[in-house]
C-alpha cells in the first residue's frame, strides 16, 4: 500500500500451496510484471522456484530466525530494487 501511495505500481500475491508449484499460472500472472520481490522466512527456496517461471527479475528478501518481515523491511527493499 505504501508503494502504491507513492505512485509505484505494486501488487501482492500469496501462495497458499506451493506444491505442486503452479508454474504455468505464475508465468501467466507475472506476464506484465517488471520485478518480483520475495520476502521469505528461509534462504530463498521459493524465489529460486519462481525464477524458473517468471520472465522478469526475481529478488529474494530472506530472513531466518522465525520473525516475520516488517512492513518497513519490505517497503525499503522494494524501493531499493526500484531505483
PDB file of N, CA and C in Angstrom:
ATOM      1  N   UNK A   1       0.828  -1.197   0.000  1.00  0.00           N
ATOM      2  CA  UNK A   1       0.000   0.000   0.000  1.00  0.00           C
ATOM      3  C   UNK A   1       0.870   1.257   0.000  1.00  0.00           C
ATOM      4  N   UNK A   2       1.977   1.214   0.749  1.00  0.00           N
ATOM      5  CA  UNK A   2       2.875   2.377   0.770  1.00  0.00           C
ATOM      6  C   UNK A   2       3.446   2.662  -0.616  1.00  0.00           C
ATOM      7  N   UNK A   3       3.850   1.624  -1.306  1.00  0.00           N
ATOM      8  CA  UNK A   3       4.419   1.807  -2.645  1.00  0.00           C
ATOM      9  C   UNK A   3       3.371   2.382  -3.590  1.00  0.00           C
ATOM     10  N   UNK A   4       2.156   1.893  -3.505  1.00  0.00           N
ATOM     11  CA  UNK A   4       1.086   2.423  -4.353  1.00  0.00           C
ATOM     12  C   UNK A   4       0.796   3.879  -4.030  1.00  0.00           C
ATOM     13  N   UNK A   5       0.777   4.213  -2.747  1.00  0.00           N
ATOM     14  CA  UNK A   5       0.534   5.597  -2.342  1.00  0.00           C
ATOM     15  C   UNK A   5       1.630   6.523  -2.862  1.00  0.00           C
ATOM     16  N   UNK A   6       2.842   5.980  -3.024  1.00  0.00           N
ATOM     17  CA  UNK A   6       3.958   6.768  -3.548  1.00  0.00           C
ATOM     18  C   UNK A   6       3.974   6.781  -5.074  1.00  0.00           C
ATOM     19  N   UNK A   7       2.968   6.168  -5.689  1.00  0.00           N
ATOM     20  CA  UNK A   7       2.857   6.201  -7.143  1.00  0.00           C
ATOM     21  C   UNK A   7       3.524   5.052  -7.871  1.00  0.00           C
ATOM     22  N   UNK A   8       3.959   4.044  -7.144  1.00  0.00           N
ATOM     23  CA  UNK A   8       4.606   2.890  -7.765  1.00  0.00           C
ATOM     24  C   UNK A   8       3.570   1.795  -8.021  1.00  0.00           C
ATOM     25  N   UNK A   9       3.607   1.193  -9.201  1.00  0.00           N
ATOM     26  CA  UNK A   9       2.676   0.095  -9.475  1.00  0.00           C
ATOM     27  C   UNK A   9       3.152  -1.161  -8.748  1.00  0.00           C
ATOM     28  N   UNK A  10       2.528  -1.487  -7.661  1.00  0.00           N
ATOM     29  CA  UNK A  10       2.933  -2.634  -6.852  1.00  0.00           C
ATOM     30  C   UNK A  10       1.722  -3.512  -6.581  1.00  0.00           C
ATOM     31  N   UNK A  11       1.966  -4.793  -6.495  1.00  0.00           N
ATOM     32  CA  UNK A  11       0.901  -5.736  -6.199  1.00  0.00           C
ATOM     33  C   UNK A  11       1.384  -6.759  -5.197  1.00  0.00           C
ATOM     34  N   UNK A  12       0.512  -7.694  -4.877  1.00  0.00           N
ATOM     35  CA  UNK A  12       0.802  -8.684  -3.848  1.00  0.00           C
ATOM     36  C   UNK A  12       0.123  -9.988  -4.223  1.00  0.00           C
ATOM     37  N   UNK A  13       0.867 -11.064  -4.130  1.00  0.00           N
ATOM     38  CA  UNK A  13       0.234 -12.378  -4.250  1.00  0.00           C
ATOM     39  C   UNK A  13       0.688 -13.222  -3.071  1.00  0.00           C
ATOM     40  N   UNK A  14      -0.167 -14.094  -2.652  1.00  0.00           N
ATOM     41  CA  UNK A  14       0.142 -15.007  -1.548  1.00  0.00           C
ATOM     42  C   UNK A  14      -0.159 -16.411  -2.029  1.00  0.00           C
ATOM     43  N   UNK A  15       0.872 -17.226  -2.070  1.00  0.00           N
ATOM     44  CA  UNK A  15       0.680 -18.610  -2.464  1.00  0.00           C
ATOM     45  C   UNK A  15       0.245 -19.403  -1.242  1.00  0.00           C
ATOM     46  N   UNK A  16      -0.899 -20.041  -1.342  1.00  0.00           N
ATOM     47  CA  UNK A  16      -1.399 -20.853  -0.238  1.00  0.00           C
ATOM     48  C   UNK A  16      -0.746 -22.230  -0.276  1.00  0.00           C
ATOM     49  N   UNK A  17      -0.631 -22.781  -1.462  1.00  0.00           N
ATOM     50  CA  UNK A  17       0.041 -24.066  -1.659  1.00  0.00           C
ATOM     51  C   UNK A  17       1.209 -23.865  -2.608  1.00  0.00           C
ATOM     52  N   UNK A  18       2.332 -24.452  -2.282  1.00  0.00           N
ATOM     53  CA  UNK A  18       3.478 -24.325  -3.167  1.00  0.00           C
ATOM     54  C   UNK A  18       3.857 -25.653  -3.821  1.00  0.00           C
ATOM     55  N   UNK A  19       3.125 -26.695  -3.492  1.00  0.00           N
ATOM     56  CA  UNK A  19       3.356 -27.967  -4.158  1.00  0.00           C
ATOM     57  C   UNK A  19       2.038 -28.658  -4.413  1.00  0.00           C
ATOM     58  N   UNK A  20       1.760 -29.047  -5.627  1.00  0.00           N
ATOM     59  CA  UNK A  20       2.625 -28.823  -6.782  1.00  0.00           C
ATOM     60  C   UNK A  20       2.670 -27.344  -7.135  1.00  0.00           C
ATOM     61  N   UNK A  21       3.843 -26.895  -7.546  1.00  0.00           N
ATOM     62  CA  UNK A  21       4.035 -25.476  -7.830  1.00  0.00           C
ATOM     63  C   UNK A  21       3.218 -25.076  -9.055  1.00  0.00           C
ATOM     64  N   UNK A  22       2.458 -23.983  -8.955  1.00  0.00           N
ATOM     65  CA  UNK A  22       1.595 -23.558 -10.068  1.00  0.00           C
ATOM     66  C   UNK A  22       2.359 -22.780 -11.143  1.00  0.00           C
ATOM     67  N   UNK A  23       3.371 -23.406 -11.718  1.00  0.00           N
ATOM     68  CA  UNK A  23       4.261 -22.749 -12.659  1.00  0.00           C
ATOM     69  C   UNK A  23       3.581 -22.020 -13.807  1.00  0.00           C
ATOM     70  N   UNK A  24       2.759 -22.715 -14.621  1.00  0.00           N
ATOM     71  CA  UNK A  24       2.113 -22.023 -15.745  1.00  0.00           C
ATOM     72  C   UNK A  24       1.231 -20.853 -15.294  1.00  0.00           C
ATOM     73  N   UNK A  25       0.547 -21.009 -14.177  1.00  0.00           N
ATOM     74  CA  UNK A  25      -0.296 -19.915 -13.676  1.00  0.00           C
ATOM     75  C   UNK A  25       0.570 -18.739 -13.239  1.00  0.00           C
ATOM     76  N   UNK A  26       1.719 -19.017 -12.637  1.00  0.00           N
ATOM     77  CA  UNK A  26       2.634 -17.954 -12.226  1.00  0.00           C
ATOM     78  C   UNK A  26       3.173 -17.220 -13.453  1.00  0.00           C
ATOM     79  N   UNK A  27       3.549 -17.965 -14.484  1.00  0.00           N
ATOM     80  CA  UNK A  27       4.047 -17.346 -15.715  1.00  0.00           C
ATOM     81  C   UNK A  27       3.011 -16.400 -16.291  1.00  0.00           C
ATOM     82  N   UNK A  28       1.771 -16.842 -16.327  1.00  0.00           N
ATOM     83  CA  UNK A  28       0.689 -16.009 -16.866  1.00  0.00           C
ATOM     84  C   UNK A  28       0.425 -14.798 -15.973  1.00  0.00           C
ATOM     85  N   UNK A  29       0.394 -15.018 -14.679  1.00  0.00           N
ATOM     86  CA  UNK A  29       0.108 -13.941 -13.731  1.00  0.00           C
ATOM     87  C   UNK A  29       1.176 -12.847 -13.772  1.00  0.00           C
ATOM     88  N   UNK A  30       2.423 -13.242 -13.981  1.00  0.00           N
ATOM     89  CA  UNK A  30       3.531 -12.287 -13.956  1.00  0.00           C
ATOM     90  C   UNK A  30       3.928 -11.794 -15.343  1.00  0.00           C
ATOM     91  N   UNK A  31       3.095 -12.010 -16.336  1.00  0.00           N
ATOM     92  CA  UNK A  31       3.431 -11.671 -17.720  1.00  0.00           C
ATOM     93  C   UNK A  31       3.796 -10.197 -17.895  1.00  0.00           C
ATOM     94  N   UNK A  32       3.138  -9.295 -17.209  1.00  0.00           N
ATOM     95  CA  UNK A  32       3.379  -7.859 -17.382  1.00  0.00           C
ATOM     96  C   UNK A  32       4.111  -7.238 -16.195  1.00  0.00           C
ATOM     97  N   UNK A  33       4.787  -8.061 -15.423  1.00  0.00           N
ATOM     98  CA  UNK A  33       5.465  -7.602 -14.214  1.00  0.00           C
ATOM     99  C   UNK A  33       6.935  -7.334 -14.513  1.00  0.00           C
ATOM    100  N   UNK A  34       7.495  -6.278 -13.933  1.00  0.00           N
ATOM    101  CA  UNK A  34       8.893  -5.915 -14.159  1.00  0.00           C
ATOM    102  C   UNK A  34       9.848  -6.510 -13.133  1.00  0.00           C
ATOM    103  N   UNK A  35       9.344  -6.810 -11.939  1.00  0.00           N
ATOM    104  CA  UNK A  35      10.191  -7.294 -10.856  1.00  0.00           C
ATOM    105  C   UNK A  35       9.325  -8.024  -9.835  1.00  0.00           C
ATOM    106  N   UNK A  36       9.874  -9.102  -9.271  1.00  0.00           N
ATOM    107  CA  UNK A  36       9.195  -9.813  -8.186  1.00  0.00           C
ATOM    108  C   UNK A  36      10.123  -9.780  -6.979  1.00  0.00           C
ATOM    109  N   UNK A  37       9.620  -9.303  -5.858  1.00  0.00           N
ATOM    110  CA  UNK A  37      10.344  -9.311  -4.592  1.00  0.00           C
ATOM    111  C   UNK A  37       9.707 -10.384  -3.723  1.00  0.00           C
ATOM    112  N   UNK A  38      10.525 -11.309  -3.230  1.00  0.00           N
ATOM    113  CA  UNK A  38      10.005 -12.447  -2.477  1.00  0.00           C
ATOM    114  C   UNK A  38      10.522 -12.399  -1.050  1.00  0.00           C
ATOM    115  N   UNK A  39       9.743 -11.834  -0.119  1.00  0.00           N
ATOM    116  CA  UNK A  39      10.137 -11.915   1.288  1.00  0.00           C
ATOM    117  C   UNK A  39       9.816 -13.320   1.783  1.00  0.00           C
ATOM    118  N   UNK A  40      10.839 -14.050   2.182  1.00  0.00           N
ATOM    119  CA  UNK A  40      10.578 -15.406   2.652  1.00  0.00           C
ATOM    120  C   UNK A  40      11.363 -15.718   3.910  1.00  0.00           C
ATOM    121  N   UNK A  41      10.759 -16.538   4.743  1.00  0.00           N
ATOM    122  CA  UNK A  41      11.356 -16.905   6.025  1.00  0.00           C
ATOM    123  C   UNK A  41      12.217 -18.155   5.872  1.00  0.00           C
ATOM    124  N   UNK A  42      13.122 -18.092   4.925  1.00  0.00           N
ATOM    125  CA  UNK A  42      14.096 -19.148   4.693  1.00  0.00           C
ATOM    126  C   UNK A  42      15.213 -18.524   3.877  1.00  0.00           C
ATOM    127  N   UNK A  43      16.007 -19.335   3.219  1.00  0.00           N
ATOM    128  CA  UNK A  43      17.159 -18.797   2.493  1.00  0.00           C
ATOM    129  C   UNK A  43      16.958 -18.732   0.993  1.00  0.00           C
ATOM    130  N   UNK A  44      15.726 -18.670   0.542  1.00  0.00           N
ATOM    131  CA  UNK A  44      15.480 -18.417  -0.869  1.00  0.00           C
ATOM    132  C   UNK A  44      14.905 -19.555  -1.677  1.00  0.00           C
ATOM    133  N   UNK A  45      14.360 -20.562  -1.045  1.00  0.00           N
ATOM    134  CA  UNK A  45      13.829 -21.711  -1.776  1.00  0.00           C
ATOM    135  C   UNK A  45      12.695 -21.316  -2.721  1.00  0.00           C
ATOM    136  N   UNK A  46      11.769 -20.491  -2.276  1.00  0.00           N
ATOM    137  CA  UNK A  46      10.637 -20.113  -3.119  1.00  0.00           C
ATOM    138  C   UNK A  46      11.084 -19.211  -4.261  1.00  0.00           C
ATOM    139  N   UNK A  47      11.975 -18.289  -3.994  1.00  0.00           N
ATOM    140  CA  UNK A  47      12.414 -17.386  -5.061  1.00  0.00           C
ATOM    141  C   UNK A  47      13.112 -18.160  -6.172  1.00  0.00           C
ATOM    142  N   UNK A  48      13.869 -19.194  -5.833  1.00  0.00           N
ATOM    143  CA  UNK A  48      14.519 -20.000  -6.868  1.00  0.00           C
ATOM    144  C   UNK A  48      13.487 -20.720  -7.727  1.00  0.00           C
ATOM    145  N   UNK A  49      12.421 -21.175  -7.131  1.00  0.00           N
ATOM    146  CA  UNK A  49      11.362 -21.830  -7.910  1.00  0.00           C
ATOM    147  C   UNK A  49      10.652 -20.807  -8.800  1.00  0.00           C
ATOM    148  N   UNK A  50      10.409 -19.616  -8.272  1.00  0.00           N
ATOM    149  CA  UNK A  50       9.775 -18.566  -9.075  1.00  0.00           C
ATOM    150  C   UNK A  50      10.631 -18.166 -10.272  1.00  0.00           C
ATOM    151  N   UNK A  51      11.935 -18.157 -10.098  1.00  0.00           N
ATOM    152  CA  UNK A  51      12.832 -17.801 -11.195  1.00  0.00           C
ATOM    153  C   UNK A  51      12.654 -18.713 -12.405  1.00  0.00           C
ATOM    154  N   UNK A  52      12.244 -19.936 -12.166  1.00  0.00           N
ATOM    155  CA  UNK A  52      12.045 -20.883 -13.264  1.00  0.00           C
ATOM    156  C   UNK A  52      10.868 -20.498 -14.154  1.00  0.00           C
ATOM    157  N   UNK A  53       9.904 -19.766 -13.609  1.00  0.00           N
ATOM    158  CA  UNK A  53       8.665 -19.476 -14.340  1.00  0.00           C
ATOM    159  C   UNK A  53       8.451 -17.997 -14.646  1.00  0.00           C
ATOM    160  N   UNK A  54       9.064 -17.109 -13.881  1.00  0.00           N
ATOM    161  CA  UNK A  54       8.893 -15.672 -14.112  1.00  0.00           C
ATOM    162  C   UNK A  54       9.769 -15.241 -15.278  1.00  0.00           C
ATOM    163  N   UNK A  55       9.280 -14.318 -16.054  1.00  0.00           N
ATOM    164  CA  UNK A  55      10.042 -13.782 -17.182  1.00  0.00           C
ATOM    165  C   UNK A  55      10.576 -12.395 -16.838  1.00  0.00           C
ATOM    166  N   UNK A  56      10.789 -12.167 -15.557  1.00  0.00           N
ATOM    167  CA  UNK A  56      11.308 -10.900 -15.058  1.00  0.00           C
ATOM    168  C   UNK A  56      12.274 -11.207 -13.920  1.00  0.00           C
ATOM    169  N   UNK A  57      13.047 -10.230 -13.473  1.00  0.00           N
ATOM    170  CA  UNK A  57      13.947 -10.468 -12.343  1.00  0.00           C
ATOM    171  C   UNK A  57      13.175 -10.829 -11.075  1.00  0.00           C
ATOM    172  N   UNK A  58      13.712 -11.780 -10.326  1.00  0.00           N
ATOM    173  CA  UNK A  58      13.147 -12.197  -9.042  1.00  0.00           C
ATOM    174  C   UNK A  58      14.199 -11.903  -7.989  1.00  0.00           C
ATOM    175  N   UNK A  59      13.841 -11.116  -7.002  1.00  0.00           N
ATOM    176  CA  UNK A  59      14.758 -10.750  -5.928  1.00  0.00           C
ATOM    177  C   UNK A  59      14.260 -11.354  -4.619  1.00  0.00           C
ATOM    178  N   UNK A  60      15.157 -12.030  -3.948  1.00  0.00           N
ATOM    179  CA  UNK A  60      14.826 -12.678  -2.680  1.00  0.00           C
ATOM    180  C   UNK A  60      15.126 -11.731  -1.523  1.00  0.00           C
ATOM    181  N   UNK A  61      14.238 -11.717  -0.547  1.00  0.00           N
ATOM    182  CA  UNK A  61      14.446 -10.989   0.699  1.00  0.00           C
ATOM    183  C   UNK A  61      14.367 -12.036   1.816  1.00  0.00           C
ATOM    184  N   UNK A  62      15.477 -12.751   2.035  1.00  0.00           N
ATOM    185  CA  UNK A  62      15.445 -13.839   3.010  1.00  0.00           C
ATOM    186  C   UNK A  62      15.519 -13.332   4.441  1.00  0.00           C
ATOM    187  N   UNK A  63      14.979 -14.136   5.335  1.00  0.00           N
ATOM    188  CA  UNK A  63      15.073 -13.833   6.762  1.00  0.00           C
ATOM    189  C   UNK A  63      14.918 -15.149   7.502  1.00  0.00           C
ATOM    190  N   UNK A  64      15.811 -15.398   8.427  1.00  0.00           N
ATOM    191  CA  UNK A  64      15.713 -16.607   9.229  1.00  0.00           C
ATOM    192  C   UNK A  64      15.600 -16.212  10.694  1.00  0.00           C
ATOM    193  N   UNK A  65      15.141 -17.130  11.488  1.00  0.00           N
ATOM    194  CA  UNK A  65      15.000 -16.859  12.915  1.00  0.00           C
ATOM    195  C   UNK A  65      13.562 -16.876  13.384  1.00  0.00           C
ATOM    196  N   UNK A  66      12.613 -17.044  12.465  1.00  0.00           N
ATOM    197  CA  UNK A  66      11.217 -17.193  12.857  1.00  0.00           C
ATOM    198  C   UNK A  66      10.436 -15.915  13.054  1.00  0.00           C
ATOM    199  N   UNK A  67      11.050 -14.756  12.838  1.00  0.00           N
ATOM    200  CA  UNK A  67      10.352 -13.488  12.987  1.00  0.00           C
ATOM    201  C   UNK A  67      10.026 -12.954  11.592  1.00  0.00           C
ATOM    202  N   UNK A  68       8.763 -12.675  11.353  1.00  0.00           N
ATOM    203  CA  UNK A  68       8.320 -12.230  10.034  1.00  0.00           C
ATOM    204  C   UNK A  68       8.905 -10.871   9.669  1.00  0.00           C
ATOM    205  N   UNK A  69       8.972 -10.613   8.372  1.00  0.00           N
ATOM    206  CA  UNK A  69       9.426  -9.314   7.872  1.00  0.00           C
ATOM    207  C   UNK A  69       8.459  -8.229   8.331  1.00  0.00           C
ATOM    208  N   UNK A  70       8.998  -7.061   8.604  1.00  0.00           N
ATOM    209  CA  UNK A  70       8.141  -5.929   8.933  1.00  0.00           C
ATOM    210  C   UNK A  70       7.748  -5.227   7.640  1.00  0.00           C
ATOM    211  N   UNK A  71       6.722  -4.415   7.714  1.00  0.00           N
ATOM    212  CA  UNK A  71       6.306  -3.622   6.567  1.00  0.00           C
ATOM    213  C   UNK A  71       7.456  -2.718   6.132  1.00  0.00           C
ATOM    214  N   UNK A  72       8.160  -2.143   7.082  1.00  0.00           N
ATOM    215  CA  UNK A  72       9.287  -1.262   6.753  1.00  0.00           C
ATOM    216  C   UNK A  72      10.387  -2.009   6.002  1.00  0.00           C
ATOM    217  N   UNK A  73      10.702  -3.227   6.414  1.00  0.00           N
ATOM    218  CA  UNK A  73      11.738  -4.006   5.729  1.00  0.00           C
ATOM    219  C   UNK A  73      11.351  -4.286   4.284  1.00  0.00           C
ATOM    220  N   UNK A  74      10.116  -4.672   4.080  1.00  0.00           N
ATOM    221  CA  UNK A  74       9.651  -4.984   2.725  1.00  0.00           C
ATOM    222  C   UNK A  74       9.613  -3.720   1.880  1.00  0.00           C
ATOM    223  N   UNK A  75       9.086  -2.639   2.433  1.00  0.00           N
ATOM    224  CA  UNK A  75       8.994  -1.386   1.693  1.00  0.00           C
ATOM    225  C   UNK A  75      10.384  -0.868   1.326  1.00  0.00           C
ATOM    226  N   UNK A  76      11.319  -0.911   2.256  1.00  0.00           N
ATOM    227  CA  UNK A  76      12.677  -0.451   1.986  1.00  0.00           C
ATOM    228  C   UNK A  76      13.330  -1.290   0.894  1.00  0.00           C
ATOM    229  N   UNK A  77      13.192  -2.596   0.972  1.00  0.00           N
ATOM    230  CA  UNK A  77      13.766  -3.473  -0.057  1.00  0.00           C
ATOM    231  C   UNK A  77      13.135  -3.214  -1.410  1.00  0.00           C
ATOM    232  N   UNK A  78      11.856  -3.004  -1.443  1.00  0.00           N
ATOM    233  CA  UNK A  78      11.163  -2.731  -2.711  1.00  0.00           C
ATOM    234  C   UNK A  78      11.643  -1.413  -3.309  1.00  0.00           C
ATOM    235  N   UNK A  79      11.759  -0.384  -2.502  1.00  0.00           N
ATOM    236  CA  UNK A  79      12.216   0.905  -3.006  1.00  0.00           C
ATOM    237  C   UNK A  79      13.658   0.822  -3.501  1.00  0.00           C
ATOM    238  N   UNK A  80      14.502   0.052  -2.838  1.00  0.00           N
ATOM    239  CA  UNK A  80      15.872  -0.117  -3.291  1.00  0.00           C
ATOM    240  C   UNK A  80      15.929  -0.818  -4.639  1.00  0.00           C
ATOM    241  N   UNK A  81      15.068  -1.797  -4.839  1.00  0.00           N
ATOM    242  CA  UNK A  81      15.042  -2.540  -6.097  1.00  0.00           C
ATOM    243  C   UNK A  81      14.470  -1.699  -7.239  1.00  0.00           C
ATOM    244  N   UNK A  82      13.663  -0.711  -6.924  1.00  0.00           N
ATOM    245  CA  UNK A  82      13.010   0.088  -7.961  1.00  0.00           C
ATOM    246  C   UNK A  82      13.875   1.263  -8.403  1.00  0.00           C
ATOM    247  N   UNK A  83      15.028   1.459  -7.796  1.00  0.00           N
ATOM    248  CA  UNK A  83      15.912   2.576  -8.186  1.00  0.00           C
ATOM    249  C   UNK A  83      16.456   2.370  -9.573  1.00  0.00           C
TER     250      UNK A  83
END
